[in-house]
Amino acid sequence: MKKNTASVVWDIAKPIADSLGLILWDVKFLKEGTTWYLRITIDKEGGVGIDDCVAMHRAIDGPLDEADPIEQSYNLQVQSPGIERELTRDFHFESYKGKPVTVRLIKAFEGRRDYTGILTAYDNESVTLALSEETELNVNKKEASWIKACDDFGGFEENE
């Protein structure tokens, strides 16, 4: 089975990020308008600065040229995941267990698309949020537009 571009780049980027003391958060290869972007998202304890992004960009540029995994021209971007980072991989969910996250549903449930709560459980197919001390919401990941970290969760009182 042939790997997709993001998976191939992940395999190239992971050891480079590790050597720089960075966490490879995500790799996306996508088209916006007529332009292709290879977005490499990095993180580290205490947060990522511009110097980290520059170091990763410089370190991966040569290995990407050498491996040549992308046929078309593209823009390489190295970025921080930001405060409200999207959770997509198992290690993302593991690191956010017990912390507030927001789920945006594709279709509204009980008149709402956005739910914020404490991530209490996850697996390959679903996530479970504690919306209050008495209420949990289990969401199939396929029914979610995205799942992101939530930096401004005020506790259960605001959510009830």
Protein backbone atom coordinates (compact mmCIF):
# COMPACT_ATOMS: atom_id res chain seq x y z
CA MET A 1 0.00 0.00 0.00
CA LYS A 2 1.38 3.39 -1.02
CA LYS A 3 1.72 5.96 1.77
CA ASN A 4 0.15 9.38 1.32
CA THR A 5 2.36 12.46 1.10
CA ALA A 6 1.78 13.55 4.71
CA SER A 7 2.80 10.09 6.00
CA VAL A 8 5.98 10.07 3.89
CA VAL A 9 6.89 13.55 5.13
CA TRP A 10 6.06 12.55 8.74
CA ASP A 11 8.65 9.76 8.47
CA ILE A 12 11.25 12.26 7.24
CA ALA A 13 10.34 15.00 9.73
CA LYS A 14 9.98 12.95 12.93
CA PRO A 15 13.68 12.17 13.52
CA ILE A 16 14.62 15.74 12.59
CA ALA A 17 12.14 17.19 15.08
CA ASP A 18 13.34 14.75 17.73
CA SER A 19 16.97 15.80 17.15
CA LEU A 20 15.98 19.46 17.65
CA GLY A 21 14.13 18.68 20.89
CA LEU A 22 10.77 19.29 19.24
CA ILE A 23 7.53 17.32 19.11
CA LEU A 24 6.21 16.70 15.62
CA TRP A 25 2.54 17.60 16.16
CA ASP A 26 1.17 17.16 12.64
CA VAL A 27 1.93 17.15 8.92
CA LYS A 28 -0.62 18.21 6.33
CA PHE A 29 -0.34 18.48 2.58
CA LEU A 30 -3.24 20.46 1.18
CA LYS A 31 -4.32 22.69 -1.64
CA GLU A 32 -5.72 26.15 -1.00
CA GLY A 33 -6.87 27.84 -4.18
CA THR A 34 -4.21 27.02 -6.76
CA THR A 35 -1.36 26.65 -4.25
CA TRP A 36 -0.19 23.49 -2.50
CA TYR A 37 1.07 23.77 1.10
CA LEU A 38 3.12 21.34 3.13
CA ARG A 39 2.43 22.33 6.74
CA ILE A 40 4.64 20.87 9.40
CA THR A 41 3.39 21.64 12.88
CA ILE A 42 5.83 21.40 15.78
CA ASP A 43 5.56 21.80 19.53
CA LYS A 44 7.72 21.58 22.64
CA GLU A 45 7.36 21.89 26.37
CA GLY A 46 6.83 25.57 27.12
CA GLY A 47 5.74 26.38 23.57
CA VAL A 48 7.35 26.95 20.20
CA GLY A 49 8.97 30.20 19.11
CA ILE A 50 9.96 31.57 15.73
CA ASP A 51 13.53 30.30 16.20
CA ASP A 52 12.20 26.73 16.57
CA CYS A 53 10.19 27.08 13.35
CA VAL A 54 13.21 28.48 11.48
CA ALA A 55 15.46 25.69 12.81
CA MET A 56 12.98 22.99 11.73
CA HIS A 57 12.48 24.61 8.32
CA ARG A 58 16.24 24.74 7.69
CA ALA A 59 16.81 21.22 8.99
CA ILE A 60 14.10 19.58 6.88
CA ASP A 61 14.60 21.51 3.64
CA GLY A 62 17.55 19.41 2.43
CA PRO A 63 16.13 16.00 3.36
CA LEU A 64 12.83 16.88 1.62
CA ASP A 65 14.69 17.91 -1.54
CA GLU A 66 16.73 14.72 -1.41
CA ALA A 67 13.75 12.38 -0.85
CA ASP A 68 11.61 14.36 -3.33
CA PRO A 69 8.27 12.92 -2.10
CA ILE A 70 6.15 15.65 -3.71
CA GLU A 71 5.78 15.95 -7.47
CA GLN A 72 4.19 19.40 -7.72
CA SER A 73 5.56 22.69 -6.46
CA TYR A 74 4.47 23.64 -2.94
CA ASN A 75 5.09 26.10 -0.12
CA LEU A 76 6.73 24.67 2.98
CA GLN A 77 5.38 26.11 6.23
CA VAL A 78 6.59 25.22 9.71
CA GLN A 79 4.27 26.41 12.47
CA SER A 80 3.17 26.09 16.07
CA PRO A 81 -0.09 24.26 16.76
CA GLY A 82 -1.36 27.30 18.68
CA ILE A 83 -3.41 27.42 21.86
CA GLU A 84 -6.56 25.92 20.34
CA ARG A 85 -4.70 23.14 18.57
CA GLU A 86 -6.55 20.50 16.62
CA LEU A 87 -6.40 17.01 18.08
CA THR A 88 -6.08 14.33 15.40
CA ARG A 89 -3.56 11.71 16.51
CA ASP A 90 -3.66 9.24 19.41
CA PHE A 91 -0.88 11.03 21.30
CA HIS A 92 -2.84 14.31 21.02
CA PHE A 93 -5.86 12.76 22.72
CA GLU A 94 -3.68 11.03 25.31
CA SER A 95 -1.99 14.31 26.24
CA TYR A 96 -5.36 16.10 26.55
CA LYS A 97 -7.15 13.50 28.67
CA GLY A 98 -8.54 15.29 31.71
CA LYS A 99 -8.31 18.68 29.99
CA PRO A 100 -10.94 20.83 28.26
CA VAL A 101 -11.60 20.33 24.55
CA THR A 102 -14.21 21.57 22.10
CA VAL A 103 -15.89 19.32 19.55
CA ARG A 104 -17.59 20.84 16.51
CA LEU A 105 -20.15 18.45 15.07
CA ILE A 106 -20.88 18.21 11.35
CA LYS A 107 -24.61 18.10 12.11
CA ALA A 108 -26.19 19.80 15.11
CA PHE A 109 -27.19 17.65 18.09
CA GLU A 110 -29.93 19.06 20.35
CA GLY A 111 -29.68 22.35 18.44
CA ARG A 112 -25.92 22.81 18.91
CA ARG A 113 -22.81 22.03 16.91
CA ASP A 114 -20.14 23.01 19.46
CA TYR A 115 -19.67 21.20 22.76
CA THR A 116 -16.95 21.94 25.30
CA GLY A 117 -16.07 19.68 28.19
CA ILE A 118 -13.35 17.64 29.83
CA LEU A 119 -11.96 14.86 27.64
CA THR A 120 -12.52 11.74 29.74
CA ALA A 121 -12.00 8.96 27.18
CA TYR A 122 -11.11 8.32 23.55
CA ASP A 123 -10.44 5.49 21.16
CA ASN A 124 -10.03 5.14 17.39
CA GLU A 125 -13.71 5.80 16.80
CA SER A 126 -14.99 8.15 19.51
CA VAL A 127 -14.30 10.70 22.22
CA THR A 128 -16.16 11.20 25.49
CA LEU A 129 -16.54 14.62 27.11
CA ALA A 130 -17.80 15.41 30.59
CA LEU A 131 -20.12 18.35 29.92
CA SER A 132 -21.09 18.70 33.58
CA GLU A 133 -20.64 16.65 36.72
CA GLU A 134 -23.67 14.57 35.68
CA THR A 135 -23.59 14.68 31.86
CA GLU A 136 -21.28 13.00 29.38
CA LEU A 137 -21.33 13.24 25.61
CA ASN A 138 -19.90 10.47 23.46
CA VAL A 139 -19.11 11.58 19.89
CA ASN A 140 -18.10 9.42 16.96
CA LYS A 141 -15.01 11.08 15.44
CA LYS A 142 -16.54 10.73 11.97
CA GLU A 143 -19.39 13.00 13.11
CA ALA A 144 -17.00 15.78 14.18
CA SER A 145 -15.70 18.55 11.92
CA TRP A 146 -12.83 18.98 14.37
CA ILE A 147 -11.76 18.47 17.96
CA LYS A 148 -9.56 21.17 19.48
CA ALA A 149 -7.94 22.04 22.77
CA CYS A 150 -9.92 24.69 24.63
CA ASP A 151 -7.97 27.35 26.47
CA ASP A 152 -10.91 29.33 27.87
CA PHE A 153 -13.08 26.67 29.52
CA GLY A 154 -14.51 28.22 32.65
CA GLY A 155 -15.75 25.03 34.29
CA PHE A 156 -19.04 23.21 34.36
CA GLU A 157 -21.19 26.13 35.55
CA GLU A 158 -20.91 27.91 32.17
CA ASN A 159 -21.63 24.73 30.24
CA GLU A 160 -24.85 23.57 31.87
